[in-house]
Amino acid sequence: MRRLERIFVSINAAVVIGCLSSMALVVGANVALRYTTNHSLSWADESARYLMIWMTFLGAGLALRQGGHVAITNLHDVMTTKAQRLLRTAIVLILLLFFGFMVFVGWEYMQRAQFQMTPALRLSFRYVYAAIPVGFSLLIVHLLLVAKPFILAGHYIQPDGQSDNLPGPANG
């Protein structure tokens, strides 16, 4: 199971890195073309924007694993160990409910926007809005993978075997 988790995290990270690299290449090429030929790519800004959207939603689960989201720990820090576990359990359940709701909302947005086309690329907005249900589905998977050790001890074992505090959902 740990190996599958490591592969899942690696693929997720590679896709996020691919989005960032593609965005940098498109914007860099557009800037270079603008200054060397006085022409720019009409689709560059739009594609960079959509790559940024996808990168954000795909990377949210990775940030959750690393405790990269906002965390407020004042209440957690003054509670007993048992109360901390109950709080972390409640937070994980609330997050799962919210992420599930956002998968549904994202799917609805995707369906509503399917006939609208992006101005420069002429893609269906369905592909842009698909980032919402895909990203929140990945958040659910990431949260489920780290939930048990997080609830029990406030940390989890990273896919590379290192132990790490996870301030993400409840240490905030």
C-alpha atoms as a PDB file:
ATOM      1  CA  MET A   1       0.000   0.000   0.000  1.00  0.00           C
ATOM      2  CA  ARG A   2       2.823   2.372   0.874  1.00  0.00           C
ATOM      3  CA  ARG A   3       4.353   1.777  -2.572  1.00  0.00           C
ATOM      4  CA  LEU A   4       1.059   2.645  -4.302  1.00  0.00           C
ATOM      5  CA  GLU A   5       0.817   5.794  -2.220  1.00  0.00           C
ATOM      6  CA  ARG A   6       4.369   6.753  -3.174  1.00  0.00           C
ATOM      7  CA  ILE A   7       3.559   6.195  -6.863  1.00  0.00           C
ATOM      8  CA  PHE A   8       0.311   8.190  -6.546  1.00  0.00           C
ATOM      9  CA  VAL A   9       2.097  11.129  -4.893  1.00  0.00           C
ATOM     10  CA  SER A  10       4.933  11.006  -7.445  1.00  0.00           C
ATOM     11  CA  ILE A  11       2.529  11.050 -10.397  1.00  0.00           C
ATOM     12  CA  ASN A  12       0.519  13.875  -8.839  1.00  0.00           C
ATOM     13  CA  ALA A  13       3.701  15.885  -8.245  1.00  0.00           C
ATOM     14  CA  ALA A  14       4.974  15.187 -11.778  1.00  0.00           C
ATOM     15  CA  VAL A  15       1.734  16.461 -13.303  1.00  0.00           C
ATOM     16  CA  VAL A  16       1.880  19.631 -11.178  1.00  0.00           C
ATOM     17  CA  ILE A  17       5.511  20.151 -12.221  1.00  0.00           C
ATOM     18  CA  GLY A  18       4.471  19.558 -15.841  1.00  0.00           C
ATOM     19  CA  CYS A  19       1.787  22.242 -15.561  1.00  0.00           C
ATOM     20  CA  LEU A  20       4.261  24.707 -14.063  1.00  0.00           C
ATOM     21  CA  SER A  21       6.897  23.904 -16.690  1.00  0.00           C
ATOM     22  CA  SER A  22       4.407  24.251 -19.530  1.00  0.00           C
ATOM     23  CA  MET A  23       3.191  27.546 -18.136  1.00  0.00           C
ATOM     24  CA  ALA A  24       6.765  28.862 -17.881  1.00  0.00           C
ATOM     25  CA  LEU A  25       7.563  27.735 -21.417  1.00  0.00           C
ATOM     26  CA  VAL A  26       4.459  29.320 -22.923  1.00  0.00           C
ATOM     27  CA  VAL A  27       4.908  32.620 -21.102  1.00  0.00           C
ATOM     28  CA  GLY A  28       8.666  32.650 -21.771  1.00  0.00           C
ATOM     29  CA  ALA A  29       8.160  31.926 -25.465  1.00  0.00           C
ATOM     30  CA  ASN A  30       5.532  34.648 -25.689  1.00  0.00           C
ATOM     31  CA  VAL A  31       7.824  37.212 -24.062  1.00  0.00           C
ATOM     32  CA  ALA A  32      10.738  36.190 -26.299  1.00  0.00           C
ATOM     33  CA  LEU A  33       8.572  36.422 -29.419  1.00  0.00           C
ATOM     34  CA  ARG A  34       7.171  39.785 -28.384  1.00  0.00           C
ATOM     35  CA  TYR A  35      10.621  41.307 -27.921  1.00  0.00           C
ATOM     36  CA  THR A  36      12.344  39.659 -30.886  1.00  0.00           C
ATOM     37  CA  THR A  37       9.630  39.726 -33.548  1.00  0.00           C
ATOM     38  CA  ASN A  38       7.155  42.272 -32.192  1.00  0.00           C
ATOM     39  CA  HIS A  39       4.430  39.599 -32.348  1.00  0.00           C
ATOM     40  CA  SER A  40       2.955  37.524 -29.575  1.00  0.00           C
ATOM     41  CA  LEU A  41       1.013  34.304 -29.311  1.00  0.00           C
ATOM     42  CA  SER A  42      -2.682  35.138 -29.040  1.00  0.00           C
ATOM     43  CA  TRP A  43      -3.353  32.056 -26.919  1.00  0.00           C
ATOM     44  CA  ALA A  44      -0.407  32.309 -24.505  1.00  0.00           C
ATOM     45  CA  ASP A  45      -2.070  34.251 -21.697  1.00  0.00           C
ATOM     46  CA  GLU A  46      -5.181  32.118 -21.811  1.00  0.00           C
ATOM     47  CA  SER A  47      -3.306  28.822 -21.793  1.00  0.00           C
ATOM     48  CA  ALA A  48      -1.079  30.014 -18.930  1.00  0.00           C
ATOM     49  CA  ARG A  49      -4.183  30.992 -16.951  1.00  0.00           C
ATOM     50  CA  TYR A  50      -5.793  27.575 -17.435  1.00  0.00           C
ATOM     51  CA  LEU A  51      -2.553  25.776 -16.620  1.00  0.00           C
ATOM     52  CA  MET A  52      -2.382  27.812 -13.401  1.00  0.00           C
ATOM     53  CA  ILE A  53      -5.944  26.794 -12.518  1.00  0.00           C
ATOM     54  CA  TRP A  54      -5.178  23.120 -13.105  1.00  0.00           C
ATOM     55  CA  MET A  55      -1.881  23.361 -11.246  1.00  0.00           C
ATOM     56  CA  THR A  56      -3.634  24.906  -8.237  1.00  0.00           C
ATOM     57  CA  PHE A  57      -6.327  22.255  -7.991  1.00  0.00           C
ATOM     58  CA  LEU A  58      -3.973  19.349  -8.686  1.00  0.00           C
ATOM     59  CA  GLY A  59      -1.426  20.617  -6.175  1.00  0.00           C
ATOM     60  CA  ALA A  60      -3.886  21.238  -3.339  1.00  0.00           C
ATOM     61  CA  GLY A  61      -3.684  17.621  -2.144  1.00  0.00           C
ATOM     62  CA  LEU A  62       0.103  17.739  -2.114  1.00  0.00           C
ATOM     63  CA  ALA A  63      -0.048  20.943  -0.066  1.00  0.00           C
ATOM     64  CA  LEU A  64      -2.486  19.267   2.339  1.00  0.00           C
ATOM     65  CA  ARG A  65      -0.023  16.415   2.894  1.00  0.00           C
ATOM     66  CA  GLN A  66       2.754  18.877   3.732  1.00  0.00           C
ATOM     67  CA  GLY A  67       0.648  21.105   5.973  1.00  0.00           C
ATOM     68  CA  GLY A  68       0.769  23.894   3.412  1.00  0.00           C
ATOM     69  CA  HIS A  69      -2.769  25.128   4.014  1.00  0.00           C
ATOM     70  CA  VAL A  70      -3.718  27.703   6.631  1.00  0.00           C
ATOM     71  CA  ALA A  71      -3.703  26.265  10.147  1.00  0.00           C
ATOM     72  CA  ILE A  72      -4.782  27.788  13.444  1.00  0.00           C
ATOM     73  CA  THR A  73      -3.502  25.685  16.330  1.00  0.00           C
ATOM     74  CA  ASN A  74      -4.372  27.721  19.432  1.00  0.00           C
ATOM     75  CA  LEU A  75      -7.344  25.558  20.458  1.00  0.00           C
ATOM     76  CA  HIS A  76      -5.641  22.316  19.476  1.00  0.00           C
ATOM     77  CA  ASP A  77      -2.536  23.117  21.499  1.00  0.00           C
ATOM     78  CA  VAL A  78      -4.392  23.650  24.809  1.00  0.00           C
ATOM     79  CA  MET A  79      -6.521  20.494  24.571  1.00  0.00           C
ATOM     80  CA  THR A  80      -5.840  17.119  26.138  1.00  0.00           C
ATOM     81  CA  THR A  81      -4.560  14.320  23.904  1.00  0.00           C
ATOM     82  CA  LYS A  82      -7.987  12.669  23.734  1.00  0.00           C
ATOM     83  CA  ALA A  83      -9.690  15.965  22.903  1.00  0.00           C
ATOM     84  CA  GLN A  84      -7.058  16.649  20.234  1.00  0.00           C
ATOM     85  CA  ARG A  85      -7.855  13.303  18.588  1.00  0.00           C
ATOM     86  CA  LEU A  86     -11.571  14.066  18.662  1.00  0.00           C
ATOM     87  CA  LEU A  87     -10.917  17.485  17.152  1.00  0.00           C
ATOM     88  CA  ARG A  88      -8.704  16.014  14.420  1.00  0.00           C
ATOM     89  CA  THR A  89     -11.363  13.375  13.685  1.00  0.00           C
ATOM     90  CA  ALA A  90     -14.045  16.050  13.398  1.00  0.00           C
ATOM     91  CA  ILE A  91     -11.854  18.143  11.136  1.00  0.00           C
ATOM     92  CA  VAL A  92     -11.101  15.201   8.844  1.00  0.00           C
ATOM     93  CA  LEU A  93     -14.815  14.359   8.602  1.00  0.00           C
ATOM     94  CA  ILE A  94     -15.745  17.990   7.893  1.00  0.00           C
ATOM     95  CA  LEU A  95     -13.034  18.202   5.232  1.00  0.00           C
ATOM     96  CA  LEU A  96     -14.230  14.971   3.602  1.00  0.00           C
ATOM     97  CA  LEU A  97     -17.792  16.304   3.494  1.00  0.00           C
ATOM     98  CA  PHE A  98     -16.642  19.635   2.078  1.00  0.00           C
ATOM     99  CA  PHE A  99     -14.377  18.012  -0.524  1.00  0.00           C
ATOM    100  CA  GLY A 100     -17.205  15.676  -1.577  1.00  0.00           C
ATOM    101  CA  PHE A 101     -19.566  18.631  -1.883  1.00  0.00           C
ATOM    102  CA  MET A 102     -17.018  20.470  -4.016  1.00  0.00           C
ATOM    103  CA  VAL A 103     -16.652  17.464  -6.320  1.00  0.00           C
ATOM    104  CA  PHE A 104     -20.416  17.663  -6.863  1.00  0.00           C
ATOM    105  CA  VAL A 105     -20.370  21.454  -7.338  1.00  0.00           C
ATOM    106  CA  GLY A 106     -17.397  21.236  -9.700  1.00  0.00           C
ATOM    107  CA  TRP A 107     -19.169  18.570 -11.750  1.00  0.00           C
ATOM    108  CA  GLU A 108     -22.247  20.819 -11.991  1.00  0.00           C
ATOM    109  CA  TYR A 109     -20.124  23.796 -13.115  1.00  0.00           C
ATOM    110  CA  MET A 110     -18.408  21.587 -15.650  1.00  0.00           C
ATOM    111  CA  GLN A 111     -21.745  20.460 -17.092  1.00  0.00           C
ATOM    112  CA  ARG A 112     -23.136  23.997 -17.267  1.00  0.00           C
ATOM    113  CA  ALA A 113     -20.072  25.390 -19.011  1.00  0.00           C
ATOM    114  CA  GLN A 114     -19.663  22.644 -21.589  1.00  0.00           C
ATOM    115  CA  PHE A 115     -21.062  24.671 -24.498  1.00  0.00           C
ATOM    116  CA  GLN A 116     -19.116  27.858 -23.792  1.00  0.00           C
ATOM    117  CA  MET A 117     -15.813  28.180 -25.619  1.00  0.00           C
ATOM    118  CA  THR A 118     -12.637  29.866 -24.465  1.00  0.00           C
ATOM    119  CA  PRO A 119     -11.863  32.988 -26.531  1.00  0.00           C
ATOM    120  CA  ALA A 120      -8.399  32.193 -27.894  1.00  0.00           C
ATOM    121  CA  LEU A 121      -8.005  28.417 -27.671  1.00  0.00           C
ATOM    122  CA  ARG A 122     -11.605  27.624 -28.627  1.00  0.00           C
ATOM    123  CA  LEU A 123     -11.784  24.855 -26.001  1.00  0.00           C
ATOM    124  CA  SER A 124     -14.929  23.980 -24.139  1.00  0.00           C
ATOM    125  CA  PHE A 125     -14.931  25.562 -20.681  1.00  0.00           C
ATOM    126  CA  ARG A 126     -15.816  22.069 -19.515  1.00  0.00           C
ATOM    127  CA  TYR A 127     -12.078  21.270 -19.611  1.00  0.00           C
ATOM    128  CA  VAL A 128     -11.246  24.309 -17.507  1.00  0.00           C
ATOM    129  CA  TYR A 129     -13.929  23.598 -14.901  1.00  0.00           C
ATOM    130  CA  ALA A 130     -12.969  19.906 -14.797  1.00  0.00           C
ATOM    131  CA  ALA A 131     -10.076  21.008 -12.593  1.00  0.00           C
ATOM    132  CA  ILE A 132     -12.531  21.456  -9.700  1.00  0.00           C
ATOM    133  CA  PRO A 133     -13.927  17.909  -9.415  1.00  0.00           C
ATOM    134  CA  VAL A 134     -10.578  16.345 -10.333  1.00  0.00           C
ATOM    135  CA  GLY A 135      -8.680  18.451  -7.788  1.00  0.00           C
ATOM    136  CA  PHE A 136     -11.148  17.862  -4.974  1.00  0.00           C
ATOM    137  CA  SER A 137     -11.247  14.128  -5.764  1.00  0.00           C
ATOM    138  CA  LEU A 138      -7.471  14.093  -5.391  1.00  0.00           C
ATOM    139  CA  LEU A 139      -7.833  16.004  -2.105  1.00  0.00           C
ATOM    140  CA  ILE A 140     -10.161  13.251  -0.847  1.00  0.00           C
ATOM    141  CA  VAL A 141      -7.635  10.566  -1.767  1.00  0.00           C
ATOM    142  CA  HIS A 142      -4.740  12.447  -0.153  1.00  0.00           C
ATOM    143  CA  LEU A 143      -6.760  13.089   3.003  1.00  0.00           C
ATOM    144  CA  LEU A 144      -7.841   9.451   3.275  1.00  0.00           C
ATOM    145  CA  LEU A 145      -4.247   8.312   2.877  1.00  0.00           C
ATOM    146  CA  VAL A 146      -3.015  10.473   5.762  1.00  0.00           C
ATOM    147  CA  ALA A 147      -6.159  10.509   7.946  1.00  0.00           C
ATOM    148  CA  LYS A 148      -5.485   7.580  10.305  1.00  0.00           C
ATOM    149  CA  PRO A 149      -1.973   8.512  11.438  1.00  0.00           C
ATOM    150  CA  PHE A 150      -2.976  12.153  11.499  1.00  0.00           C
ATOM    151  CA  ILE A 151      -5.971  11.493  13.742  1.00  0.00           C
ATOM    152  CA  LEU A 152      -4.071   9.167  16.069  1.00  0.00           C
ATOM    153  CA  ALA A 153      -0.824  11.088  16.418  1.00  0.00           C
ATOM    154  CA  GLY A 154      -1.144  14.430  14.643  1.00  0.00           C
ATOM    155  CA  HIS A 155       1.391  13.353  12.013  1.00  0.00           C
ATOM    156  CA  TYR A 156       1.821  10.754   9.299  1.00  0.00           C
ATOM    157  CA  ILE A 157       4.568   8.911   7.485  1.00  0.00           C
ATOM    158  CA  GLN A 158       5.399  10.489   4.148  1.00  0.00           C
ATOM    159  CA  PRO A 159       5.605   8.218   1.106  1.00  0.00           C
ATOM    160  CA  ASP A 160       9.413   8.411   1.250  1.00  0.00           C
ATOM    161  CA  GLY A 161       9.316   7.010   4.806  1.00  0.00           C
ATOM    162  CA  GLN A 162      10.016  10.219   6.705  1.00  0.00           C
ATOM    163  CA  SER A 163       7.783  11.149   9.608  1.00  0.00           C
ATOM    164  CA  ASP A 164       6.330  14.622   9.392  1.00  0.00           C
ATOM    165  CA  ASN A 165       3.989  16.746  11.442  1.00  0.00           C
ATOM    166  CA  LEU A 166       0.890  17.530   9.468  1.00  0.00           C
ATOM    167  CA  PRO A 167      -0.414  20.897  10.556  1.00  0.00           C
ATOM    168  CA  GLY A 168      -2.708  20.904   7.483  1.00  0.00           C
ATOM    169  CA  PRO A 169      -6.199  19.914   8.520  1.00  0.00           C
ATOM    170  CA  ALA A 170      -5.986  20.051  12.301  1.00  0.00           C
ATOM    171  CA  ASN A 171      -2.726  21.175  13.744  1.00  0.00           C
ATOM    172  CA  GLY A 172      -4.767  23.656  12.354  1.00  0.00           C
END
